[in-house]
Every structure is written in structure tokens, then in C-alpha cells.
Amino acid sequence: MFHVEHWVNMRVVIIFIILISIISCNKPNPNPENTDEIYQDFLSQAQSVQKELEVEKKKLEGFKKDLDTATPQTGAIKYAQKKYFESEDKIQKLEQLVKYYELKSASRKQYTKFEYAKAFKAGTPWPTESELTSYKQYKAALRGAKSWDSRRRVEEYEKSVGIVSASAKKPEKKN
């Protein structure tokens, strides 16, 4: 049988457990870089460039075989040499990119630990929204079109403002 005296003791125990759980949940994250979107993006970019590098190395082996089997005094050898050297250049650039992203992620990891500790002591959220939005804008600008076609820019501006351009107007047919 459940006695009234037990109910009083149970309330004290339940209140004590709730207080302990509320007070003890405020510990700093030992690995804040795992929750940082920018750091994770650098790691994913390094992995994707590494995969692209492996694919290009396999292509280089094929180009080397084509270069060895090409007959001299023909256009085939020049074409094979061109492909081989272009592939070598691309491999070199990809290796540099892999190294860049590794260094960038290591730098971001240190920055993350420092800034997270500072934000945790201040009681502010980290990473800040302004930092994330500026990084996302930077990434969007990198992915954007690399051409500077003035006609396209004018059309985009007219569309954003709501102006109907002369080229979009169609002459009406009179019957």
C-alpha cells in the first residue's frame, strides 16, 4: 500500500532531480567544430576535391598509355601530349586545392574553439547569424555566373524592378 508519507518523500526527490537536471546541463562543447557549418563545408569541399583528384589521376594513366602508343610524325602524338600535360596541370591544381582546404579547415577549427569558448563564457549563441549569412553570401557569389554579359544584367535589373523592356514588347497585329 502506498502511504501518504511516501508521497511527500517522492515529491522532494522529484523536485531534487528536476533541479539537478536544470542546473547541470550547462557544459561547454568539447568539439565545437562538429557543429560549425563553415568548418563542415571546408571538410566536404576537401573530400570532393580529393575524389576529383583521384579520378583525374586515373585519367592521367590512360593519357600516358595513349601517349606511349601514339605514332610519331602524326597529329595523334601532339594531341596525346596536349591531353597528358593538361591532365598533369589539372592534377597539380587539384592537389593545391586539397592542401588549401585542409589548411583552411585546420585554421577554422582553431578559430572555432577560440570563438566558441569566448561565446560560451559570455552566454551568447555561436556561430553568429551574421557570420553564417556572410559566408553563405560569399559562397553564392562564388557559384554565380562568371560572365559579365551586359544585356543579361540589364534584363535581370529590368525584371527585378518591374520594367518591361523594348525587346520583350511584341508588336500587335492589325487585322
N, C-alpha and C. Protein backbone atom coordinates (compact mmCIF):
# COMPACT_ATOMS: atom_id res chain seq x y z
N MET A 1 0.84 -1.17 0.00
CA MET A 1 0.00 0.00 0.00
C MET A 1 0.88 1.23 0.00
N PHE A 2 0.43 2.24 -0.69
CA PHE A 2 1.17 3.48 -0.82
C PHE A 2 0.71 4.46 0.26
N HIS A 3 1.61 4.83 1.08
CA HIS A 3 1.26 5.70 2.20
C HIS A 3 1.51 7.17 1.86
N VAL A 4 0.88 8.03 2.60
CA VAL A 4 1.00 9.47 2.40
C VAL A 4 2.42 9.94 2.68
N GLU A 5 3.06 9.30 3.61
CA GLU A 5 4.43 9.69 3.94
C GLU A 5 5.36 9.47 2.76
N HIS A 6 5.11 8.44 1.98
CA HIS A 6 5.93 8.16 0.80
C HIS A 6 5.73 9.23 -0.27
N TRP A 7 4.49 9.71 -0.38
CA TRP A 7 4.19 10.73 -1.40
C TRP A 7 4.99 12.02 -1.13
N VAL A 8 5.13 12.41 0.11
CA VAL A 8 5.89 13.60 0.48
C VAL A 8 7.36 13.39 0.12
N ASN A 9 7.88 12.24 0.40
CA ASN A 9 9.28 11.94 0.08
C ASN A 9 9.50 11.90 -1.44
N MET A 10 8.51 11.38 -2.16
CA MET A 10 8.63 11.30 -3.63
C MET A 10 8.63 12.70 -4.24
N ARG A 11 7.83 13.61 -3.71
CA ARG A 11 7.81 14.97 -4.22
C ARG A 11 9.17 15.64 -4.02
N VAL A 12 9.76 15.44 -2.90
CA VAL A 12 11.08 16.02 -2.62
C VAL A 12 12.12 15.44 -3.58
N VAL A 13 12.07 14.15 -3.81
CA VAL A 13 13.01 13.50 -4.72
C VAL A 13 12.81 14.00 -6.15
N ILE A 14 11.58 14.12 -6.59
CA ILE A 14 11.28 14.58 -7.95
C ILE A 14 11.74 16.02 -8.14
N ILE A 15 11.48 16.87 -7.17
CA ILE A 15 11.91 18.28 -7.25
C ILE A 15 13.44 18.35 -7.26
N PHE A 16 14.09 17.53 -6.46
CA PHE A 16 15.54 17.50 -6.43
C PHE A 16 16.12 17.06 -7.77
N ILE A 17 15.55 16.06 -8.41
CA ILE A 17 16.02 15.58 -9.71
C ILE A 17 15.83 16.65 -10.79
N ILE A 18 14.71 17.32 -10.77
CA ILE A 18 14.45 18.38 -11.75
C ILE A 18 15.45 19.52 -11.58
N LEU A 19 15.71 19.92 -10.34
CA LEU A 19 16.67 20.99 -10.09
C LEU A 19 18.07 20.60 -10.54
N ILE A 20 18.48 19.40 -10.25
CA ILE A 20 19.81 18.92 -10.66
C ILE A 20 19.93 18.90 -12.18
N SER A 21 18.89 18.44 -12.86
CA SER A 21 18.96 18.36 -14.32
C SER A 21 18.99 19.74 -14.96
N ILE A 22 18.32 20.71 -14.38
CA ILE A 22 18.32 22.07 -14.92
C ILE A 22 19.67 22.73 -14.69
N ILE A 23 20.24 22.55 -13.52
CA ILE A 23 21.49 23.22 -13.16
C ILE A 23 22.69 22.59 -13.87
N SER A 24 22.73 21.30 -14.02
CA SER A 24 23.93 20.62 -14.50
C SER A 24 24.04 20.52 -16.02
N CYS A 25 23.12 21.04 -16.78
CA CYS A 25 23.15 20.87 -18.24
C CYS A 25 23.97 21.92 -18.97
N ASN A 26 24.66 22.78 -18.30
CA ASN A 26 25.35 23.87 -18.94
C ASN A 26 26.86 23.60 -18.96
N LYS A 27 27.29 22.74 -19.88
CA LYS A 27 28.71 22.43 -20.04
C LYS A 27 29.15 22.86 -21.42
N PRO A 28 30.39 23.30 -21.56
CA PRO A 28 30.87 23.67 -22.91
C PRO A 28 31.06 22.43 -23.78
N ASN A 29 30.84 22.61 -25.05
CA ASN A 29 31.02 21.53 -26.02
C ASN A 29 32.52 21.30 -26.21
N PRO A 30 33.02 20.08 -26.00
CA PRO A 30 34.46 19.86 -26.17
C PRO A 30 34.91 19.92 -27.64
N ASN A 31 34.00 19.68 -28.57
CA ASN A 31 34.33 19.73 -30.00
C ASN A 31 33.33 20.64 -30.73
N PRO A 32 33.47 21.95 -30.57
CA PRO A 32 32.50 22.85 -31.21
C PRO A 32 32.59 22.87 -32.72
N GLU A 33 33.71 22.43 -33.27
CA GLU A 33 33.86 22.42 -34.74
C GLU A 33 32.90 21.44 -35.40
N ASN A 34 32.43 20.45 -34.65
CA ASN A 34 31.49 19.49 -35.22
C ASN A 34 30.12 20.11 -35.49
N THR A 35 29.81 21.21 -34.82
CA THR A 35 28.54 21.89 -35.05
C THR A 35 28.68 23.13 -35.93
N ASP A 36 29.90 23.43 -36.36
CA ASP A 36 30.15 24.61 -37.18
C ASP A 36 29.91 24.28 -38.66
N GLU A 37 28.96 24.97 -39.28
CA GLU A 37 28.62 24.71 -40.68
C GLU A 37 29.77 25.06 -41.62
N ILE A 38 30.50 26.11 -41.30
CA ILE A 38 31.59 26.55 -42.17
C ILE A 38 32.72 25.52 -42.16
N TYR A 39 33.06 25.04 -40.98
CA TYR A 39 34.11 24.01 -40.87
C TYR A 39 33.69 22.74 -41.61
N GLN A 40 32.44 22.33 -41.44
CA GLN A 40 31.94 21.15 -42.13
C GLN A 40 31.96 21.35 -43.64
N ASP A 41 31.68 22.56 -44.09
CA ASP A 41 31.71 22.86 -45.53
C ASP A 41 33.13 22.74 -46.07
N PHE A 42 34.11 23.24 -45.32
CA PHE A 42 35.51 23.11 -45.75
C PHE A 42 35.91 21.64 -45.86
N LEU A 43 35.50 20.84 -44.89
CA LEU A 43 35.82 19.41 -44.93
C LEU A 43 35.18 18.72 -46.13
N SER A 44 33.92 19.05 -46.40
CA SER A 44 33.23 18.42 -47.53
C SER A 44 33.85 18.86 -48.86
N GLN A 45 34.27 20.11 -48.95
CA GLN A 45 34.93 20.57 -50.17
C GLN A 45 36.27 19.86 -50.35
N ALA A 46 37.02 19.68 -49.28
CA ALA A 46 38.29 18.96 -49.38
C ALA A 46 38.06 17.52 -49.84
N GLN A 47 37.02 16.87 -49.34
CA GLN A 47 36.73 15.50 -49.75
C GLN A 47 36.30 15.42 -51.21
N SER A 48 35.49 16.37 -51.65
CA SER A 48 35.05 16.34 -53.04
C SER A 48 36.21 16.62 -54.00
N VAL A 49 37.10 17.52 -53.63
CA VAL A 49 38.27 17.79 -54.48
C VAL A 49 39.21 16.59 -54.47
N GLN A 50 39.31 15.90 -53.33
CA GLN A 50 40.14 14.70 -53.25
C GLN A 50 39.61 13.61 -54.18
N LYS A 51 38.29 13.45 -54.23
CA LYS A 51 37.69 12.46 -55.14
C LYS A 51 37.96 12.85 -56.59
N GLU A 52 37.81 14.13 -56.89
CA GLU A 52 38.08 14.60 -58.25
C GLU A 52 39.54 14.39 -58.62
N LEU A 53 40.43 14.54 -57.66
CA LEU A 53 41.86 14.31 -57.89
C LEU A 53 42.13 12.85 -58.23
N GLU A 54 41.49 11.93 -57.52
CA GLU A 54 41.67 10.51 -57.80
C GLU A 54 41.18 10.16 -59.20
N VAL A 55 40.05 10.73 -59.61
CA VAL A 55 39.52 10.48 -60.95
C VAL A 55 40.49 11.01 -62.00
N GLU A 56 41.04 12.18 -61.76
CA GLU A 56 41.97 12.78 -62.73
C GLU A 56 43.26 11.98 -62.81
N LYS A 57 43.70 11.40 -61.70
CA LYS A 57 44.91 10.57 -61.73
C LYS A 57 44.68 9.32 -62.57
N LYS A 58 43.48 8.77 -62.50
CA LYS A 58 43.17 7.61 -63.34
C LYS A 58 43.14 8.01 -64.81
N LYS A 59 42.61 9.20 -65.10
CA LYS A 59 42.61 9.68 -66.47
C LYS A 59 44.03 9.88 -66.98
N LEU A 60 44.91 10.36 -66.10
CA LEU A 60 46.30 10.60 -66.49
C LEU A 60 46.98 9.30 -66.90
N GLU A 61 46.67 8.21 -66.20
CA GLU A 61 47.24 6.91 -66.57
C GLU A 61 46.80 6.52 -67.98
N GLY A 62 45.55 6.77 -68.31
CA GLY A 62 45.05 6.48 -69.64
C GLY A 62 45.71 7.36 -70.68
N PHE A 63 45.91 8.64 -70.36
CA PHE A 63 46.58 9.54 -71.30
C PHE A 63 48.04 9.14 -71.50
N LYS A 64 48.66 8.61 -70.45
CA LYS A 64 50.06 8.15 -70.55
C LYS A 64 50.14 6.95 -71.50
N LYS A 65 49.17 6.04 -71.39
CA LYS A 65 49.14 4.90 -72.31
C LYS A 65 48.92 5.37 -73.74
N ASP A 66 48.01 6.34 -73.93
CA ASP A 66 47.76 6.87 -75.27
C ASP A 66 49.02 7.54 -75.83
N LEU A 67 49.75 8.22 -74.96
CA LEU A 67 50.98 8.89 -75.39
C LEU A 67 52.04 7.87 -75.79
N ASP A 68 52.14 6.78 -75.06
CA ASP A 68 53.13 5.74 -75.37
C ASP A 68 52.79 5.01 -76.67
N THR A 69 51.50 4.85 -76.95
CA THR A 69 51.10 4.10 -78.14
C THR A 69 50.92 4.97 -79.38
N ALA A 70 50.99 6.29 -79.23
CA ALA A 70 50.79 7.19 -80.37
C ALA A 70 51.99 7.09 -81.32
N THR A 71 51.69 7.14 -82.60
CA THR A 71 52.76 7.05 -83.60
C THR A 71 53.36 8.43 -83.84
N PRO A 72 54.70 8.49 -83.90
CA PRO A 72 55.36 9.78 -84.16
C PRO A 72 55.04 10.27 -85.58
N GLN A 73 55.31 11.51 -85.81
CA GLN A 73 55.13 12.13 -87.12
C GLN A 73 53.66 12.24 -87.52
N THR A 74 52.77 12.17 -86.53
CA THR A 74 51.34 12.33 -86.83
C THR A 74 50.75 13.35 -85.86
N GLY A 75 49.55 13.73 -86.12
CA GLY A 75 48.88 14.66 -85.22
C GLY A 75 48.44 13.99 -83.93
N ALA A 76 48.42 12.66 -83.93
CA ALA A 76 47.97 11.93 -82.75
C ALA A 76 48.92 12.14 -81.57
N ILE A 77 50.21 12.23 -81.84
CA ILE A 77 51.16 12.39 -80.73
C ILE A 77 51.02 13.77 -80.10
N LYS A 78 50.78 14.78 -80.92
CA LYS A 78 50.60 16.12 -80.37
C LYS A 78 49.32 16.19 -79.54
N TYR A 79 48.28 15.57 -80.03
CA TYR A 79 47.02 15.54 -79.29
C TYR A 79 47.20 14.79 -77.97
N ALA A 80 47.91 13.67 -78.00
CA ALA A 80 48.13 12.88 -76.78
C ALA A 80 49.00 13.66 -75.79
N GLN A 81 50.01 14.35 -76.30
CA GLN A 81 50.85 15.16 -75.42
C GLN A 81 50.03 16.29 -74.77
N LYS A 82 49.20 16.91 -75.58
CA LYS A 82 48.37 18.00 -75.06
C LYS A 82 47.47 17.50 -73.94
N LYS A 83 46.78 16.39 -74.16
CA LYS A 83 45.90 15.83 -73.14
C LYS A 83 46.67 15.44 -71.88
N TYR A 84 47.84 14.85 -72.07
CA TYR A 84 48.66 14.41 -70.94
C TYR A 84 49.10 15.60 -70.09
N PHE A 85 49.61 16.63 -70.74
CA PHE A 85 50.11 17.78 -69.99
C PHE A 85 48.97 18.60 -69.36
N GLU A 86 47.83 18.66 -70.04
CA GLU A 86 46.67 19.32 -69.44
C GLU A 86 46.21 18.57 -68.19
N SER A 87 46.24 17.26 -68.26
CA SER A 87 45.84 16.45 -67.11
C SER A 87 46.83 16.63 -65.96
N GLU A 88 48.12 16.69 -66.27
CA GLU A 88 49.13 16.92 -65.23
C GLU A 88 48.90 18.27 -64.55
N ASP A 89 48.60 19.29 -65.35
CA ASP A 89 48.34 20.62 -64.78
C ASP A 89 47.10 20.60 -63.88
N LYS A 90 46.07 19.91 -64.34
CA LYS A 90 44.86 19.83 -63.54
C LYS A 90 45.11 19.09 -62.23
N ILE A 91 45.91 18.04 -62.27
CA ILE A 91 46.25 17.30 -61.05
C ILE A 91 47.00 18.20 -60.08
N GLN A 92 47.92 18.98 -60.60
CA GLN A 92 48.68 19.89 -59.74
C GLN A 92 47.75 20.92 -59.08
N LYS A 93 46.82 21.46 -59.84
CA LYS A 93 45.88 22.43 -59.28
C LYS A 93 44.97 21.79 -58.24
N LEU A 94 44.53 20.56 -58.52
CA LEU A 94 43.67 19.87 -57.55
C LEU A 94 44.41 19.54 -56.27
N GLU A 95 45.69 19.17 -56.38
CA GLU A 95 46.49 18.90 -55.18
C GLU A 95 46.63 20.17 -54.35
N GLN A 96 46.81 21.31 -55.03
CA GLN A 96 46.89 22.57 -54.31
C GLN A 96 45.57 22.90 -53.63
N LEU A 97 44.46 22.61 -54.30
CA LEU A 97 43.14 22.86 -53.71
C LEU A 97 42.91 21.98 -52.47
N VAL A 98 43.31 20.73 -52.56
CA VAL A 98 43.16 19.83 -51.41
C VAL A 98 43.96 20.38 -50.22
N LYS A 99 45.18 20.78 -50.48
CA LYS A 99 46.02 21.34 -49.42
C LYS A 99 45.40 22.63 -48.86
N TYR A 100 44.86 23.46 -49.75
CA TYR A 100 44.21 24.71 -49.33
C TYR A 100 43.05 24.42 -48.39
N TYR A 101 42.18 23.49 -48.77
CA TYR A 101 41.02 23.20 -47.93
C TYR A 101 41.42 22.53 -46.62
N GLU A 102 42.47 21.74 -46.63
CA GLU A 102 42.95 21.15 -45.38
C GLU A 102 43.47 22.24 -44.44
N LEU A 103 44.25 23.18 -44.98
CA LEU A 103 44.76 24.27 -44.16
C LEU A 103 43.62 25.18 -43.68
N LYS A 104 42.68 25.43 -44.57
CA LYS A 104 41.54 26.28 -44.24
C LYS A 104 40.70 25.64 -43.13
N SER A 105 40.49 24.33 -43.20
CA SER A 105 39.69 23.66 -42.17
C SER A 105 40.46 23.61 -40.84
N ALA A 106 41.78 23.42 -40.88
CA ALA A 106 42.56 23.42 -39.64
C ALA A 106 42.53 24.81 -38.99
N SER A 107 42.63 25.84 -39.81
CA SER A 107 42.55 27.20 -39.30
C SER A 107 41.17 27.48 -38.70
N ARG A 108 40.14 27.03 -39.40
CA ARG A 108 38.77 27.25 -38.92
C ARG A 108 38.53 26.49 -37.62
N LYS A 109 39.14 25.31 -37.48
CA LYS A 109 38.98 24.52 -36.26
C LYS A 109 39.53 25.28 -35.05
N GLN A 110 40.71 25.87 -35.21
CA GLN A 110 41.29 26.65 -34.12
C GLN A 110 40.44 27.88 -33.82
N TYR A 111 40.00 28.55 -34.86
CA TYR A 111 39.16 29.73 -34.69
C TYR A 111 37.85 29.36 -33.99
N THR A 112 37.29 28.23 -34.38
CA THR A 112 36.04 27.77 -33.80
C THR A 112 36.19 27.53 -32.30
N LYS A 113 37.25 26.85 -31.91
CA LYS A 113 37.45 26.56 -30.48
C LYS A 113 37.60 27.85 -29.69
N PHE A 114 38.36 28.79 -30.22
CA PHE A 114 38.58 30.06 -29.52
C PHE A 114 37.30 30.86 -29.41
N GLU A 115 36.61 31.03 -30.52
CA GLU A 115 35.38 31.83 -30.53
C GLU A 115 34.25 31.17 -29.74
N TYR A 116 34.16 29.85 -29.79
CA TYR A 116 33.13 29.15 -29.03
C TYR A 116 33.36 29.33 -27.53
N ALA A 117 34.62 29.23 -27.09
CA ALA A 117 34.91 29.41 -25.67
C ALA A 117 34.56 30.82 -25.23
N LYS A 118 34.87 31.80 -26.07
CA LYS A 118 34.56 33.19 -25.75
C LYS A 118 33.04 33.40 -25.68
N ALA A 119 32.31 32.83 -26.64
CA ALA A 119 30.86 32.97 -26.66
C ALA A 119 30.21 32.23 -25.50
N PHE A 120 30.75 31.08 -25.14
CA PHE A 120 30.19 30.30 -24.03
C PHE A 120 30.33 31.07 -22.72
N LYS A 121 31.50 31.68 -22.52
CA LYS A 121 31.69 32.46 -21.29
C LYS A 121 30.76 33.66 -21.24
N ALA A 122 30.51 34.26 -22.42
CA ALA A 122 29.62 35.42 -22.48
C ALA A 122 28.15 35.01 -22.46
N GLY A 123 27.87 33.75 -22.75
CA GLY A 123 26.50 33.26 -22.76
C GLY A 123 25.76 33.60 -24.03
N THR A 124 26.49 33.86 -25.10
CA THR A 124 25.86 34.19 -26.39
C THR A 124 25.89 32.97 -27.30
N PRO A 125 24.96 32.91 -28.25
CA PRO A 125 24.96 31.76 -29.18
C PRO A 125 26.13 31.85 -30.16
N TRP A 126 26.59 30.70 -30.55
CA TRP A 126 27.68 30.65 -31.52
C TRP A 126 27.42 29.52 -32.49
N PRO A 127 27.70 29.61 -33.77
CA PRO A 127 28.20 30.77 -34.51
C PRO A 127 27.11 31.80 -34.70
N THR A 128 27.53 33.02 -34.90
CA THR A 128 26.56 34.10 -35.02
C THR A 128 25.88 34.02 -36.39
N GLU A 129 24.66 34.52 -36.43
CA GLU A 129 23.89 34.51 -37.68
C GLU A 129 24.56 35.36 -38.74
N SER A 130 25.15 36.48 -38.33
CA SER A 130 25.80 37.36 -39.31
C SER A 130 26.99 36.66 -39.97
N GLU A 131 27.73 35.88 -39.20
CA GLU A 131 28.87 35.15 -39.74
C GLU A 131 28.40 34.09 -40.75
N LEU A 132 27.35 33.37 -40.40
CA LEU A 132 26.83 32.34 -41.30
C LEU A 132 26.25 32.95 -42.57
N THR A 133 25.50 34.02 -42.44
CA THR A 133 24.90 34.63 -43.63
C THR A 133 25.96 35.23 -44.54
N SER A 134 27.00 35.83 -43.96
CA SER A 134 28.06 36.40 -44.81
C SER A 134 28.81 35.28 -45.54
N TYR A 135 29.02 34.14 -44.87
CA TYR A 135 29.69 33.03 -45.54
C TYR A 135 28.81 32.46 -46.66
N LYS A 136 27.51 32.34 -46.40
CA LYS A 136 26.60 31.83 -47.43
C LYS A 136 26.52 32.78 -48.62
N GLN A 137 26.55 34.08 -48.37
CA GLN A 137 26.56 35.05 -49.47
C GLN A 137 27.85 34.94 -50.27
N TYR A 138 28.96 34.75 -49.57
CA TYR A 138 30.25 34.58 -50.24
C TYR A 138 30.24 33.34 -51.13
N LYS A 139 29.69 32.24 -50.61
CA LYS A 139 29.61 31.00 -51.39
C LYS A 139 28.70 31.18 -52.61
N ALA A 140 27.59 31.88 -52.43
CA ALA A 140 26.67 32.11 -53.54
C ALA A 140 27.32 32.98 -54.61
N ALA A 141 28.12 33.94 -54.20
CA ALA A 141 28.82 34.79 -55.16
C ALA A 141 29.85 33.99 -55.94
N LEU A 142 30.49 33.03 -55.29
CA LEU A 142 31.46 32.19 -55.99
C LEU A 142 30.79 31.28 -57.01
N ARG A 143 29.60 30.80 -56.67
CA ARG A 143 28.88 29.90 -57.56
C ARG A 143 28.19 30.62 -58.70
N GLY A 144 28.08 31.92 -58.60
CA GLY A 144 27.34 32.70 -59.59
C GLY A 144 28.02 32.67 -60.95
N ALA A 145 27.35 33.27 -61.91
CA ALA A 145 27.87 33.31 -63.28
C ALA A 145 29.16 34.12 -63.31
N LYS A 146 30.11 33.63 -64.05
CA LYS A 146 31.41 34.30 -64.14
C LYS A 146 31.48 35.22 -65.36
N SER A 147 30.45 35.24 -66.17
CA SER A 147 30.46 36.11 -67.34
C SER A 147 29.79 37.44 -66.99
N TRP A 148 30.19 38.47 -67.70
CA TRP A 148 29.67 39.80 -67.44
C TRP A 148 28.92 40.30 -68.67
N ASP A 149 27.91 39.57 -69.06
CA ASP A 149 27.11 39.94 -70.21
C ASP A 149 26.21 41.11 -69.82
N SER A 150 26.43 42.25 -70.47
CA SER A 150 25.69 43.45 -70.08
C SER A 150 24.21 43.33 -70.41
N ARG A 151 23.88 42.67 -71.49
CA ARG A 151 22.47 42.51 -71.87
C ARG A 151 21.72 41.70 -70.80
N ARG A 152 22.34 40.63 -70.34
CA ARG A 152 21.71 39.79 -69.32
C ARG A 152 21.54 40.56 -68.02
N ARG A 153 22.54 41.34 -67.64
CA ARG A 153 22.44 42.13 -66.41
C ARG A 153 21.33 43.17 -66.50
N VAL A 154 21.20 43.81 -67.67
CA VAL A 154 20.13 44.80 -67.85
C VAL A 154 18.77 44.12 -67.77
N GLU A 155 18.63 42.94 -68.40
CA GLU A 155 17.37 42.22 -68.35
C GLU A 155 17.02 41.80 -66.92
N GLU A 156 18.02 41.35 -66.15
CA GLU A 156 17.76 40.97 -64.76
C GLU A 156 17.35 42.19 -63.93
N TYR A 157 17.99 43.32 -64.19
CA TYR A 157 17.63 44.54 -63.46
C TYR A 157 16.21 44.96 -63.80
N GLU A 158 15.88 44.95 -65.08
CA GLU A 158 14.54 45.34 -65.50
C GLU A 158 13.48 44.42 -64.91
N LYS A 159 13.81 43.13 -64.85
CA LYS A 159 12.87 42.17 -64.28
C LYS A 159 12.69 42.41 -62.78
N SER A 160 13.78 42.71 -62.07
CA SER A 160 13.69 42.92 -60.63
C SER A 160 12.93 44.20 -60.29
N VAL A 161 13.05 45.23 -61.16
CA VAL A 161 12.38 46.50 -60.91
C VAL A 161 10.94 46.46 -61.43
N GLY A 162 10.69 45.62 -62.42
CA GLY A 162 9.35 45.52 -62.98
C GLY A 162 9.18 46.31 -64.26
N ILE A 163 10.27 46.62 -64.92
CA ILE A 163 10.23 47.35 -66.17
C ILE A 163 10.11 46.36 -67.31
N VAL A 164 9.26 46.65 -68.26
CA VAL A 164 9.13 45.79 -69.44
C VAL A 164 10.05 46.36 -70.51
N SER A 165 11.02 45.58 -70.94
CA SER A 165 11.99 46.07 -71.90
C SER A 165 11.40 46.13 -73.30
N ALA A 166 12.07 46.88 -74.16
CA ALA A 166 11.60 47.04 -75.53
C ALA A 166 11.66 45.73 -76.29
N SER A 167 12.65 44.90 -75.98
CA SER A 167 12.78 43.62 -76.68
C SER A 167 11.68 42.64 -76.27
N ALA A 168 11.12 42.83 -75.07
CA ALA A 168 10.07 41.94 -74.61
C ALA A 168 8.70 42.32 -75.16
N LYS A 169 8.56 43.57 -75.57
CA LYS A 169 7.28 44.00 -76.14
C LYS A 169 7.12 43.42 -77.52
N LYS A 170 5.96 42.91 -77.78
CA LYS A 170 5.68 42.32 -79.12
C LYS A 170 4.72 43.25 -79.83
N PRO A 171 4.99 43.54 -81.08
CA PRO A 171 4.08 44.43 -81.81
C PRO A 171 2.74 43.73 -82.02
N GLU A 172 1.72 44.53 -81.90
CA GLU A 172 0.36 43.99 -82.08
C GLU A 172 0.04 43.90 -83.56
N LYS A 173 -0.63 42.84 -83.95
CA LYS A 173 -1.03 42.66 -85.35
C LYS A 173 -2.37 43.33 -85.57
N LYS A 174 -2.46 44.07 -86.66
CA LYS A 174 -3.72 44.72 -87.00
C LYS A 174 -4.41 43.91 -88.09
N ASN A 175 -5.65 43.62 -87.90
CA ASN A 175 -6.41 42.85 -88.90
C ASN A 175 -7.33 43.74 -89.67
